[in-house]
C-alpha atoms as a PDB file:
ATOM      1  CA  MET A   1      -3.004  17.041  12.511  1.00  0.00           C
ATOM      2  CA  SER A   2      -2.509  18.109   8.902  1.00  0.00           C
ATOM      3  CA  TYR A   3      -3.227  16.235   5.714  1.00  0.00           C
ATOM      4  CA  ARG A   4       0.469  15.538   5.139  1.00  0.00           C
ATOM      5  CA  GLU A   5       0.956  14.268   8.686  1.00  0.00           C
ATOM      6  CA  GLU A   6      -1.888  11.785   8.200  1.00  0.00           C
ATOM      7  CA  ILE A   7      -0.390  10.608   4.905  1.00  0.00           C
ATOM      8  CA  THR A   8       2.873   9.959   6.763  1.00  0.00           C
ATOM      9  CA  ARG A   9       0.998   7.928   9.430  1.00  0.00           C
ATOM     10  CA  LEU A  10      -0.877   6.031   6.736  1.00  0.00           C
ATOM     11  CA  THR A  11       2.319   5.258   4.846  1.00  0.00           C
ATOM     12  CA  ALA A  12       4.051   3.983   7.980  1.00  0.00           C
ATOM     13  CA  ALA A  13       1.195   1.575   8.729  1.00  0.00           C
ATOM     14  CA  LEU A  14       1.084   0.303   5.139  1.00  0.00           C
ATOM     15  CA  LYS A  15       4.842  -0.193   5.172  1.00  0.00           C
ATOM     16  CA  ASP A  16       4.575  -2.425   8.243  1.00  0.00           C
ATOM     17  CA  LEU A  17       1.727  -4.397   6.659  1.00  0.00           C
ATOM     18  CA  LEU A  18       3.756  -4.912   3.480  1.00  0.00           C
ATOM     19  CA  VAL A  19       6.809  -6.064   5.414  1.00  0.00           C
ATOM     20  CA  HIS A  20       5.087  -8.258   8.012  1.00  0.00           C
ATOM     21  CA  GLY A  21       1.925  -9.267   6.159  1.00  0.00           C
ATOM     22  CA  GLY A  22      -1.671  -8.058   6.228  1.00  0.00           C
ATOM     23  CA  ALA A  23      -3.438 -11.340   6.992  1.00  0.00           C
ATOM     24  CA  VAL A  24      -5.432 -11.342  10.240  1.00  0.00           C
ATOM     25  CA  PRO A  25      -7.169 -13.965  12.389  1.00  0.00           C
ATOM     26  CA  VAL A  26     -10.933 -14.346  12.071  1.00  0.00           C
ATOM     27  CA  ALA A  27     -11.570 -12.105  15.073  1.00  0.00           C
ATOM     28  CA  ASP A  28      -9.800  -9.179  13.360  1.00  0.00           C
ATOM     29  CA  VAL A  29     -11.304  -9.473   9.877  1.00  0.00           C
ATOM     30  CA  HIS A  30     -13.524  -6.484  10.638  1.00  0.00           C
ATOM     31  CA  ALA A  31     -10.431  -4.323  11.223  1.00  0.00           C
ATOM     32  CA  ALA A  32      -8.851  -5.364   7.906  1.00  0.00           C
ATOM     33  CA  LEU A  33     -12.087  -4.646   6.033  1.00  0.00           C
ATOM     34  CA  THR A  34     -12.534  -1.247   7.690  1.00  0.00           C
ATOM     35  CA  GLY A  35      -8.917  -0.282   7.029  1.00  0.00           C
ATOM     36  CA  HIS A  36      -9.079  -1.357   3.402  1.00  0.00           C
ATOM     37  CA  ALA A  37     -12.424   0.367   2.784  1.00  0.00           C
ATOM     38  CA  SER A  38     -11.279   3.609   4.432  1.00  0.00           C
ATOM     39  CA  LEU A  39      -8.152   3.657   2.280  1.00  0.00           C
ATOM     40  CA  VAL A  40     -10.027   2.975  -0.960  1.00  0.00           C
ATOM     41  CA  LEU A  41     -12.633   5.656  -0.178  1.00  0.00           C
ATOM     42  CA  PHE A  42      -9.836   8.128   0.546  1.00  0.00           C
ATOM     43  CA  MET A  43      -8.167   7.391  -2.810  1.00  0.00           C
ATOM     44  CA  GLN A  44     -11.493   7.702  -4.614  1.00  0.00           C
ATOM     45  CA  GLN A  45     -12.133  11.114  -3.025  1.00  0.00           C
ATOM     46  CA  VAL A  46      -8.729  12.542  -3.939  1.00  0.00           C
ATOM     47  CA  HIS A  47      -8.947  11.143  -7.462  1.00  0.00           C
ATOM     48  CA  SER A  48     -12.364  12.753  -7.827  1.00  0.00           C
ATOM     49  CA  ASP A  49     -11.167  16.178  -6.666  1.00  0.00           C
ATOM     50  CA  LEU A  50      -8.031  16.120  -8.797  1.00  0.00           C
ATOM     51  CA  ASN A  51      -9.501  14.669 -11.997  1.00  0.00           C
ATOM     52  CA  GLY A  52     -13.293  14.760 -11.650  1.00  0.00           C
ATOM     53  CA  TRP A  53     -15.641  11.856 -12.346  1.00  0.00           C
ATOM     54  CA  SER A  54     -15.938  12.402 -16.084  1.00  0.00           C
ATOM     55  CA  GLU A  55     -16.633   9.475 -18.380  1.00  0.00           C
ATOM     56  CA  LEU A  56     -14.027   6.837 -17.691  1.00  0.00           C
ATOM     57  CA  PRO A  57     -12.193   4.807 -20.328  1.00  0.00           C
ATOM     58  CA  SER A  58     -12.895   1.173 -21.012  1.00  0.00           C
ATOM     59  CA  GLN A  59     -10.717  -1.430 -19.330  1.00  0.00           C
ATOM     60  CA  ASP A  60      -8.741  -1.967 -22.494  1.00  0.00           C
ATOM     61  CA  ILE A  61      -4.995  -2.500 -22.392  1.00  0.00           C
ATOM     62  CA  ARG A  62      -4.618   0.342 -24.906  1.00  0.00           C
ATOM     63  CA  GLU A  63      -5.879   2.770 -22.266  1.00  0.00           C
ATOM     64  CA  LEU A  64      -2.755   2.037 -20.218  1.00  0.00           C
ATOM     65  CA  GLU A  65      -0.765   3.968 -22.812  1.00  0.00           C
ATOM     66  CA  LEU A  66      -3.411   6.542 -23.756  1.00  0.00           C
ATOM     67  CA  ARG A  67      -4.969   7.478 -20.397  1.00  0.00           C
ATOM     68  CA  PRO A  68      -3.238   5.653 -17.536  1.00  0.00           C
ATOM     69  CA  VAL A  69      -4.395   8.054 -14.781  1.00  0.00           C
ATOM     70  CA  SER A  70      -8.030   7.765 -15.843  1.00  0.00           C
ATOM     71  CA  LEU A  71      -7.685   3.993 -16.076  1.00  0.00           C
ATOM     72  CA  LEU A  72      -6.271   3.867 -12.548  1.00  0.00           C
ATOM     73  CA  LYS A  73      -9.176   5.992 -11.361  1.00  0.00           C
ATOM     74  CA  ARG A  74     -11.622   3.511 -12.883  1.00  0.00           C
ATOM     75  CA  LEU A  75      -9.925   0.523 -11.285  1.00  0.00           C
ATOM     76  CA  VAL A  76      -9.791   2.189  -7.862  1.00  0.00           C
ATOM     77  CA  ARG A  77     -13.523   2.879  -8.116  1.00  0.00           C
ATOM     78  CA  GLN A  78     -14.075  -0.859  -8.575  1.00  0.00           C
ATOM     79  CA  GLN A  79     -12.078  -1.950  -5.515  1.00  0.00           C
ATOM     80  CA  PRO A  80     -14.247  -3.483  -2.764  1.00  0.00           C
ATOM     81  CA  THR A  81     -15.320  -1.250   0.139  1.00  0.00           C
ATOM     82  CA  MET A  82     -17.290  -3.765   2.204  1.00  0.00           C
ATOM     83  CA  THR A  83     -17.136  -3.541   6.008  1.00  0.00           C
ATOM     84  CA  ASP A  84     -18.492  -5.561   8.927  1.00  0.00           C
ATOM     85  CA  GLY A  85     -19.612  -2.545  10.922  1.00  0.00           C
ATOM     86  CA  THR A  86     -19.073   1.129  11.517  1.00  0.00           C
ATOM     87  CA  PHE A  87     -15.753   2.901  11.688  1.00  0.00           C
ATOM     88  CA  LEU A  88     -16.430   3.755  15.342  1.00  0.00           C
ATOM     89  CA  ALA A  89     -17.086   0.095  16.164  1.00  0.00           C
ATOM     90  CA  THR A  90     -13.676  -0.841  14.782  1.00  0.00           C
ATOM     91  CA  LEU A  91     -11.992   1.877  16.833  1.00  0.00           C
ATOM     92  CA  GLN A  92     -13.604   0.567  20.011  1.00  0.00           C
ATOM     93  CA  ALA A  93     -13.206  -3.151  19.312  1.00  0.00           C
ATOM     94  CA  GLN A  94     -10.651  -5.418  20.965  1.00  0.00           C
ATOM     95  CA  ILE A  95      -7.959  -6.184  18.355  1.00  0.00           C
ATOM     96  CA  THR A  96      -6.144  -9.485  18.844  1.00  0.00           C
ATOM     97  CA  SER A  97      -3.244  -9.286  16.368  1.00  0.00           C
ATOM     98  CA  PRO A  98      -0.504  -6.839  15.320  1.00  0.00           C
ATOM     99  CA  ALA A  99      -1.797  -6.880  11.728  1.00  0.00           C
ATOM    100  CA  GLY A 100      -5.286  -6.041  12.973  1.00  0.00           C
ATOM    101  CA  GLN A 101      -3.891  -3.077  14.913  1.00  0.00           C
ATOM    102  CA  LEU A 102      -2.089  -1.865  11.794  1.00  0.00           C
ATOM    103  CA  TRP A 103      -5.283  -2.130   9.740  1.00  0.00           C
ATOM    104  CA  ARG A 104      -7.074  -0.057  12.400  1.00  0.00           C
ATOM    105  CA  GLU A 105      -4.281   2.528  12.106  1.00  0.00           C
ATOM    106  CA  VAL A 106      -4.824   2.545   8.336  1.00  0.00           C
ATOM    107  CA  ALA A 107      -8.531   3.165   8.927  1.00  0.00           C
ATOM    108  CA  LYS A 108      -7.859   6.047  11.313  1.00  0.00           C
ATOM    109  CA  ALA A 109      -5.216   7.731   9.162  1.00  0.00           C
ATOM    110  CA  SER A 110      -7.247   7.317   5.950  1.00  0.00           C
ATOM    111  CA  THR A 111     -10.407   8.715   7.524  1.00  0.00           C
ATOM    112  CA  ILE A 112      -8.669  11.728   9.052  1.00  0.00           C
ATOM    113  CA  ALA A 113      -6.721  12.332   5.805  1.00  0.00           C
ATOM    114  CA  THR A 114     -10.034  12.337   3.912  1.00  0.00           C
ATOM    115  CA  TRP A 115     -11.403  14.905   6.371  1.00  0.00           C
ATOM    116  CA  GLU A 116      -8.299  17.091   6.155  1.00  0.00           C
ATOM    117  CA  TRP A 117      -8.360  16.872   2.363  1.00  0.00           C
ATOM    118  CA  SER A 118     -12.034  17.897   2.280  1.00  0.00           C
ATOM    119  CA  ARG A 119     -11.190  21.052   4.220  1.00  0.00           C
ATOM    120  CA  ILE A 120      -8.930  22.295   1.402  1.00  0.00           C
ATOM    121  CA  ALA A 121     -10.722  24.986  -0.566  1.00  0.00           C
ATOM    122  CA  ALA A 122     -11.397  24.133  -4.212  1.00  0.00           C
ATOM    123  CA  VAL A 123      -9.186  27.023  -5.359  1.00  0.00           C
ATOM    124  CA  ALA A 124      -6.314  25.647  -3.259  1.00  0.00           C
ATOM    125  CA  LEU A 125      -6.392  22.102  -4.644  1.00  0.00           C
ATOM    126  CA  PRO A 126      -3.137  21.011  -6.308  1.00  0.00           C
ATOM    127  CA  THR A 127      -2.952  21.705 -10.029  1.00  0.00           C
ATOM    128  CA  GLY A 128      -0.384  21.206 -12.767  1.00  0.00           C
ATOM    129  CA  ALA A 129       2.928  19.772 -11.591  1.00  0.00           C
ATOM    130  CA  THR A 130       1.792  19.801  -7.944  1.00  0.00           C
ATOM    131  CA  ALA A 131      -1.177  17.622  -8.857  1.00  0.00           C
ATOM    132  CA  TRP A 132       1.245  15.115 -10.369  1.00  0.00           C
ATOM    133  CA  SER A 133       2.945  14.883  -6.985  1.00  0.00           C
ATOM    134  CA  GLU A 134      -0.358  13.894  -5.360  1.00  0.00           C
ATOM    135  CA  ILE A 135      -1.123  11.449  -8.203  1.00  0.00           C
ATOM    136  CA  ALA A 136       2.242   9.786  -7.622  1.00  0.00           C
ATOM    137  CA  ASP A 137       1.301   9.243  -3.975  1.00  0.00           C
ATOM    138  CA  LEU A 138      -2.115   7.899  -4.980  1.00  0.00           C
ATOM    139  CA  ALA A 139      -0.506   5.443  -7.391  1.00  0.00           C
ATOM    140  CA  SER A 140       1.836   4.183  -4.671  1.00  0.00           C
ATOM    141  CA  LEU A 141      -1.068   3.758  -2.248  1.00  0.00           C
ATOM    142  CA  ALA A 142      -3.114   1.914  -4.886  1.00  0.00           C
ATOM    143  CA  GLU A 143      -0.203  -0.402  -5.608  1.00  0.00           C
ATOM    144  CA  ALA A 144       0.238  -1.231  -1.925  1.00  0.00           C
ATOM    145  CA  THR A 145      -3.506  -1.736  -1.489  1.00  0.00           C
ATOM    146  CA  SER A 146      -3.625  -4.191  -4.370  1.00  0.00           C
ATOM    147  CA  ILE A 147      -0.787  -6.236  -2.888  1.00  0.00           C
ATOM    148  CA  LEU A 148      -2.482  -6.376   0.519  1.00  0.00           C
ATOM    149  CA  GLU A 149      -5.844  -7.379  -0.964  1.00  0.00           C
ATOM    150  CA  LEU A 150      -4.545 -10.930  -1.335  1.00  0.00           C
ATOM    151  CA  ASP A 151      -3.853 -11.005   2.409  1.00  0.00           C
ATOM    152  CA  VAL A 152      -7.383  -9.787   3.120  1.00  0.00           C
ATOM    153  CA  ALA A 153      -8.716 -12.458   0.755  1.00  0.00           C
ATOM    154  CA  ASP A 154      -6.811 -15.150   2.665  1.00  0.00           C
ATOM    155  CA  SER A 155      -8.241 -13.870   5.949  1.00  0.00           C
ATOM    156  CA  LEU A 156     -11.785 -13.923   4.563  1.00  0.00           C
ATOM    157  CA  ALA A 157     -11.291 -17.463   3.251  1.00  0.00           C
ATOM    158  CA  LEU A 158     -10.107 -18.522   6.713  1.00  0.00           C
ATOM    159  CA  ALA A 159     -13.393 -17.128   8.045  1.00  0.00           C
ATOM    160  CA  ALA A 160     -15.284 -19.234   5.453  1.00  0.00           C
ATOM    161  CA  ARG A 161     -16.410 -16.079   3.632  1.00  0.00           C
ATOM    162  CA  LEU A 162     -15.552 -17.419   0.216  1.00  0.00           C
ATOM    163  CA  THR A 163     -17.650 -14.994  -1.845  1.00  0.00           C
ATOM    164  CA  ASP A 164     -16.038 -11.990  -0.168  1.00  0.00           C
ATOM    165  CA  ALA A 165     -12.610 -13.588  -0.528  1.00  0.00           C
ATOM    166  CA  ARG A 166     -13.226 -14.052  -4.252  1.00  0.00           C
ATOM    167  CA  SER A 167     -14.137 -10.367  -4.555  1.00  0.00           C
ATOM    168  CA  PHE A 168     -10.815  -9.309  -3.054  1.00  0.00           C
ATOM    169  CA  ARG A 169      -8.814 -11.737  -5.182  1.00  0.00           C
ATOM    170  CA  THR A 170     -10.571 -10.455  -8.297  1.00  0.00           C
ATOM    171  CA  SER A 171      -9.717  -6.886  -7.344  1.00  0.00           C
ATOM    172  CA  ALA A 172      -6.083  -7.753  -6.630  1.00  0.00           C
ATOM    173  CA  ARG A 173      -5.800  -9.298 -10.095  1.00  0.00           C
ATOM    174  CA  SER A 174      -7.770  -6.604 -11.946  1.00  0.00           C
ATOM    175  CA  GLY A 175      -4.663  -4.778 -13.126  1.00  0.00           C
ATOM    176  CA  VAL A 176      -4.541  -2.119 -10.381  1.00  0.00           C
ATOM    177  CA  ARG A 177      -0.947  -2.980  -9.534  1.00  0.00           C
ATOM    178  CA  LEU A 178       0.221  -2.826 -13.152  1.00  0.00           C
ATOM    179  CA  VAL A 179      -1.571   0.444 -13.914  1.00  0.00           C
ATOM    180  CA  ALA A 180      -0.538   2.054 -10.607  1.00  0.00           C
ATOM    181  CA  ALA A 181       3.105   1.178 -11.249  1.00  0.00           C
ATOM    182  CA  GLU A 182       2.886   2.752 -14.714  1.00  0.00           C
ATOM    183  CA  VAL A 183       1.265   5.932 -13.347  1.00  0.00           C
ATOM    184  CA  ARG A 184       3.902   6.146 -10.631  1.00  0.00           C
ATOM    185  CA  ARG A 185       6.723   5.805 -13.161  1.00  0.00           C
ATOM    186  CA  LEU A 186       5.064   8.411 -15.383  1.00  0.00           C
ATOM    187  CA  ALA A 187       4.698  10.837 -12.492  1.00  0.00           C
ATOM    188  CA  GLU A 188       8.331  10.365 -11.496  1.00  0.00           C
ATOM    189  CA  THR A 189       9.728  11.191 -14.940  1.00  0.00           C
ATOM    190  CA  GLY A 190       9.795  14.867 -13.981  1.00  0.00           C
ATOM    191  CA  PRO A 191      10.488  16.750 -10.739  1.00  0.00           C
ATOM    192  CA  LEU A 192       7.763  16.353  -8.127  1.00  0.00           C
ATOM    193  CA  PRO A 193       7.309  19.625  -6.212  1.00  0.00           C
ATOM    194  CA  ILE A 194       6.980  19.525  -2.445  1.00  0.00           C
ATOM    195  CA  GLY A 195       3.553  20.574  -1.127  1.00  0.00           C
ATOM    196  CA  PRO A 196       3.171  23.475   1.319  1.00  0.00           C
ATOM    197  CA  ASP A 197       3.327  21.347   4.485  1.00  0.00           C
ATOM    198  CA  ILE A 198       5.682  18.639   3.192  1.00  0.00           C
ATOM    199  CA  LYS A 199       9.290  18.573   4.308  1.00  0.00           C
ATOM    200  CA  SER A 200      11.932  17.197   1.970  1.00  0.00           C
ATOM    201  CA  PRO A 201      12.949  13.734   3.220  1.00  0.00           C
ATOM    202  CA  THR A 202      16.272  13.836   5.051  1.00  0.00           C
ATOM    203  CA  ASN A 203      17.005  10.139   4.673  1.00  0.00           C
ATOM    204  CA  THR A 204      16.522   8.974   1.103  1.00  0.00           C
ATOM    205  CA  THR A 205      19.351   6.434   0.754  1.00  0.00           C
ATOM    206  CA  LEU A 206      17.879   3.264   2.162  1.00  0.00           C
ATOM    207  CA  ILE A 207      19.701   0.291   0.636  1.00  0.00           C
ATOM    208  CA  VAL A 208      22.613   0.510  -1.799  1.00  0.00           C
ATOM    209  CA  GLY A 209      24.533  -2.174  -3.691  1.00  0.00           C
ATOM    210  CA  LEU A 210      22.991  -5.275  -2.150  1.00  0.00           C
ATOM    211  CA  GLY A 211      23.956  -8.748  -3.235  1.00  0.00           C
ATOM    212  CA  SER A 212      22.350 -12.027  -2.235  1.00  0.00           C
ATOM    213  CA  THR A 213      24.825 -12.506   0.634  1.00  0.00           C
ATOM    214  CA  ASP A 214      23.776  -9.146   2.089  1.00  0.00           C
ATOM    215  CA  VAL A 215      20.052  -9.903   2.085  1.00  0.00           C
ATOM    216  CA  PRO A 216      19.621 -11.425   5.581  1.00  0.00           C
ATOM    217  CA  GLU A 217      21.359  -8.507   7.316  1.00  0.00           C
ATOM    218  CA  ALA A 218      19.632  -5.940   5.089  1.00  0.00           C
ATOM    219  CA  LEU A 219      16.178  -7.333   5.811  1.00  0.00           C
ATOM    220  CA  ALA A 220      16.950  -7.336   9.527  1.00  0.00           C
ATOM    221  CA  ARG A 221      17.876  -3.639   9.337  1.00  0.00           C
ATOM    222  CA  LEU A 222      14.952  -2.614   7.103  1.00  0.00           C
ATOM    223  CA  ASP A 223      12.506  -1.725   9.868  1.00  0.00           C
ATOM    224  CA  ALA A 224      15.086   0.286  11.807  1.00  0.00           C
ATOM    225  CA  ILE A 225      16.187   2.217   8.712  1.00  0.00           C
ATOM    226  CA  LEU A 226      12.640   3.154   7.702  1.00  0.00           C
ATOM    227  CA  HIS A 227      11.607   4.096  11.235  1.00  0.00           C
ATOM    228  CA  ALA A 228      14.685   6.338  11.545  1.00  0.00           C
ATOM    229  CA  ALA A 229      13.635   8.429   8.536  1.00  0.00           C
ATOM    230  CA  ALA A 230      12.226  11.856   9.409  1.00  0.00           C
ATOM    231  CA  GLU A 231       9.371  11.314   6.966  1.00  0.00           C
ATOM    232  CA  VAL A 232       8.391   8.331   4.839  1.00  0.00           C
ATOM    233  CA  THR A 233       6.320   8.826   1.705  1.00  0.00           C
ATOM    234  CA  PRO A 234       4.275   6.231  -0.212  1.00  0.00           C
ATOM    235  CA  ILE A 235       6.770   6.380  -3.093  1.00  0.00           C
ATOM    236  CA  GLN A 236       9.716   5.595  -0.798  1.00  0.00           C
ATOM    237  CA  VAL A 237       7.921   2.572   0.667  1.00  0.00           C
ATOM    238  CA  LEU A 238       7.153   1.154  -2.794  1.00  0.00           C
ATOM    239  CA  HIS A 239      10.771   1.650  -3.908  1.00  0.00           C
ATOM    240  CA  VAL A 240      12.038  -0.277  -0.867  1.00  0.00           C
ATOM    241  CA  PHE A 241       9.349  -2.933  -1.244  1.00  0.00           C
ATOM    242  CA  GLU A 242      10.281  -3.500  -4.897  1.00  0.00           C
ATOM    243  CA  ARG A 243      13.948  -3.784  -3.920  1.00  0.00           C
ATOM    244  CA  VAL A 244      13.181  -6.388  -1.252  1.00  0.00           C
ATOM    245  CA  ARG A 245      10.890  -8.314  -3.612  1.00  0.00           C
ATOM    246  CA  LYS A 246      13.623  -8.519  -6.257  1.00  0.00           C
ATOM    247  CA  LEU A 247      16.080  -9.831  -3.686  1.00  0.00           C
ATOM    248  CA  SER A 248      13.694 -12.241  -1.960  1.00  0.00           C
ATOM    249  CA  TYR A 249      14.286 -15.062  -4.454  1.00  0.00           C
ATOM    250  CA  PRO A 250      18.131 -15.040  -4.136  1.00  0.00           C
ATOM    251  CA  ALA A 251      17.634 -14.856  -0.369  1.00  0.00           C
ATOM    252  CA  ALA A 252      15.426 -17.928  -0.449  1.00  0.00           C
ATOM    253  CA  ILE A 253      18.037 -19.843  -2.450  1.00  0.00           C
ATOM    254  CA  LEU A 254      20.759 -18.709  -0.062  1.00  0.00           C
ATOM    255  CA  GLY A 255      18.724 -19.720   2.987  1.00  0.00           C
ATOM    256  CA  SER A 256      17.958 -23.113   1.484  1.00  0.00           C
ATOM    257  CA  ALA A 257      21.620 -23.760   0.695  1.00  0.00           C
ATOM    258  CA  ARG A 258      22.651 -22.869   4.222  1.00  0.00           C
ATOM    259  CA  ARG A 259      20.000 -25.143   5.743  1.00  0.00           C
ATOM    260  CA  GLN A 260      21.233 -28.016   3.571  1.00  0.00           C
ATOM    261  CA  GLU A 261      24.825 -27.272   4.535  1.00  0.00           C
ATOM    262  CA  VAL A 262      24.144 -27.647   8.256  1.00  0.00           C
ATOM    263  CA  LYS A 263      21.728 -30.545   7.582  1.00  0.00           C
ATOM    264  CA  SER A 264      19.206 -29.201  10.027  1.00  0.00           C
ATOM    265  CA  ASP A 265      15.848 -30.944  10.376  1.00  0.00           C
ATOM    266  CA  ARG A 266      14.248 -27.851  11.817  1.00  0.00           C
ATOM    267  CA  PRO A 267      11.887 -26.221   9.288  1.00  0.00           C
ATOM    268  CA  GLY A 268      12.792 -22.673   8.250  1.00  0.00           C
ATOM    269  CA  ALA A 269      10.501 -19.753   8.932  1.00  0.00           C
ATOM    270  CA  SER A 270       7.895 -19.197   6.256  1.00  0.00           C
ATOM    271  CA  GLU A 271       8.729 -16.317   3.960  1.00  0.00           C
ATOM    272  CA  ARG A 272       6.512 -13.348   3.330  1.00  0.00           C
ATOM    273  CA  ARG A 273       4.895 -13.382  -0.112  1.00  0.00           C
ATOM    274  CA  MET A 274       5.974 -10.212  -1.827  1.00  0.00           C
ATOM    275  CA  GLY A 275       3.423  -9.115  -4.408  1.00  0.00           C
ATOM    276  CA  SER A 276       2.575 -12.524  -5.890  1.00  0.00           C
ATOM    277  CA  SER A 277      -0.839 -12.866  -7.470  1.00  0.00           C
END
């Protein structure tokens, strides 16, 4: 496995968690915590190697304009990394839910990606424009992590771990998502070079020209479209996720109108919260 292959595995698992939800039953809380911690530690390591751990800016809104990358680095350092056991214990444990299995996949991919990254010689680390490409990926991962932290918080609350749940909710609302989105937009203002073992995506057109009447069919096809792509990057997942989030409200209105039209007493399926805080 190479570093880029592990990033692709990590991105695929995060995409499924974003689409289907990252909340887990009590028995799988350990997997969610291990996956989240492994991902945060991976981001911290790459940030450190790319930018160093020099004095960080204050958490002032003005820093978002002056030093957004450094501000993101500070916020990522503050994300919780608590676990209920060792990484090996999570790998060997019986996982009872699909979300728990995805969190374990996040843990595995993040840990191996950290190892592969650490094997890169200091002189070979990305610099200049290439470093911006890696920062764009980090920003997308941080944004996804912040969204999923609310799901982890809900799972911890279900397990009556209210202090831990509060820690995750605080992190999710600390501004990581806002700052990460700004860093990602900044990184994407110029061309992002492809790294040495990264292939250019062959399927970049995911959803085009959707209206509210197209939403149900589009959402049904989303998984198939993303899985058919030769390679999925963190940036692509966030673009699709943002598109779905923007369309989720018209879809809800449309679904409600249709249920009223047929006057059905059967309750509709609960909708996935997309990035609410």
